[in-house]
Amino acid sequence: MFDRTDVFHVRSDIQKIVGSKVRLETNKGRHKSVVSNGIISHAYPSIFTVQLSEGPDTSRKLSFSYTDVLTNSVEITLCDQ
């Protein structure tokens, strides 16, 4: 889905899907990963934020850098609307 050749391509791909529902799989190291669903709320020059849409605390936001996507620390999958 994302062109992972450099950070600029990842940033432009994420800016195109701001407002879309996504599924995030975050690698926490040592074969641990966390799966969460949310909406990409903002794309800033160095980071992007995701508003979580499940669980008891839906006001929670997560932020990731574009290099997290580039290095596969975070995998983003678009969900059907």
Protein backbone atom coordinates (compact mmCIF):
# COMPACT_ATOMS: atom_id res chain seq x y z
CA MET A 1 0.00 0.00 0.00
CA PHE A 2 2.74 2.46 0.91
CA ASP A 3 5.73 3.28 -1.25
CA ARG A 4 8.50 2.56 1.24
CA THR A 5 11.41 3.89 -0.76
CA ASP A 6 11.88 6.96 1.44
CA VAL A 7 10.25 9.05 4.15
CA PHE A 8 8.86 11.60 1.68
CA HIS A 9 6.81 8.97 -0.15
CA VAL A 10 5.48 7.54 3.13
CA ARG A 11 4.52 11.04 4.31
CA SER A 12 2.66 11.85 1.09
CA ASP A 13 0.84 8.48 1.15
CA ILE A 14 -0.31 9.05 4.74
CA GLN A 15 -1.39 12.63 3.99
CA LYS A 16 -3.67 11.24 1.27
CA ILE A 17 -5.55 9.01 3.75
CA VAL A 18 -6.11 11.53 6.58
CA GLY A 19 -9.62 10.94 7.91
CA SER A 20 -9.68 7.27 6.89
CA LYS A 21 -10.25 4.31 9.18
CA VAL A 22 -7.12 2.22 9.62
CA ARG A 23 -5.91 -0.88 11.44
CA LEU A 24 -2.53 -0.45 13.11
CA GLU A 25 -0.22 -3.27 14.08
CA THR A 26 2.55 -1.87 16.27
CA ASN A 27 5.68 -3.93 16.86
CA LYS A 28 6.72 -3.65 20.51
CA GLY A 29 9.79 -5.91 20.26
CA ARG A 30 10.51 -9.49 21.32
CA HIS A 31 7.65 -10.90 19.24
CA LYS A 32 5.09 -8.61 20.89
CA SER A 33 2.66 -6.55 18.87
CA VAL A 34 -0.39 -4.46 19.59
CA VAL A 35 -3.32 -4.22 17.17
CA SER A 36 -5.63 -1.22 17.32
CA ASN A 37 -8.19 0.50 15.12
CA GLY A 38 -8.56 4.22 14.62
CA ILE A 39 -8.78 7.17 12.28
CA ILE A 40 -5.77 9.10 11.02
CA SER A 41 -6.56 12.54 12.38
CA HIS A 42 -3.58 14.71 11.39
CA ALA A 43 -0.41 14.50 9.33
CA TYR A 44 2.30 16.86 10.55
CA PRO A 45 5.75 17.36 8.99
CA SER A 46 7.46 14.81 11.28
CA ILE A 47 4.63 12.73 12.77
CA PHE A 48 1.04 11.66 12.21
CA THR A 49 -1.65 11.07 14.82
CA VAL A 50 -4.31 8.38 15.07
CA GLN A 51 -7.52 8.80 17.07
CA LEU A 52 -8.45 5.41 18.54
CA SER A 53 -11.99 4.28 17.83
CA GLU A 54 -12.34 1.24 20.06
CA GLY A 55 -12.16 0.41 23.71
CA PRO A 56 -13.40 2.33 26.74
CA ASP A 57 -11.24 5.40 26.11
CA THR A 58 -12.01 6.65 22.60
CA SER A 59 -10.45 10.05 23.32
CA ARG A 60 -6.97 8.49 23.22
CA LYS A 61 -4.57 9.55 20.47
CA LEU A 62 -1.40 7.83 19.33
CA SER A 63 1.39 9.49 17.41
CA PHE A 64 3.91 7.85 15.12
CA SER A 65 6.77 9.08 13.00
CA TYR A 66 6.95 8.34 9.30
CA THR A 67 10.14 6.38 9.91
CA ASP A 68 8.10 3.96 12.05
CA VAL A 69 6.16 3.04 8.91
CA LEU A 70 9.32 2.99 6.81
CA THR A 71 11.08 0.55 9.18
CA ASN A 72 7.98 -1.65 9.66
CA SER A 73 7.63 -0.80 13.36
CA VAL A 74 4.04 0.18 12.47
CA GLU A 75 1.99 -1.51 9.78
CA ILE A 76 -1.05 0.39 8.50
CA THR A 77 -3.98 -1.28 6.75
CA LEU A 78 -6.94 0.66 5.41
CA CYS A 79 -10.31 -0.55 6.68
CA ASP A 80 -13.50 -0.55 4.67
CA GLN A 81 -15.67 2.43 5.52
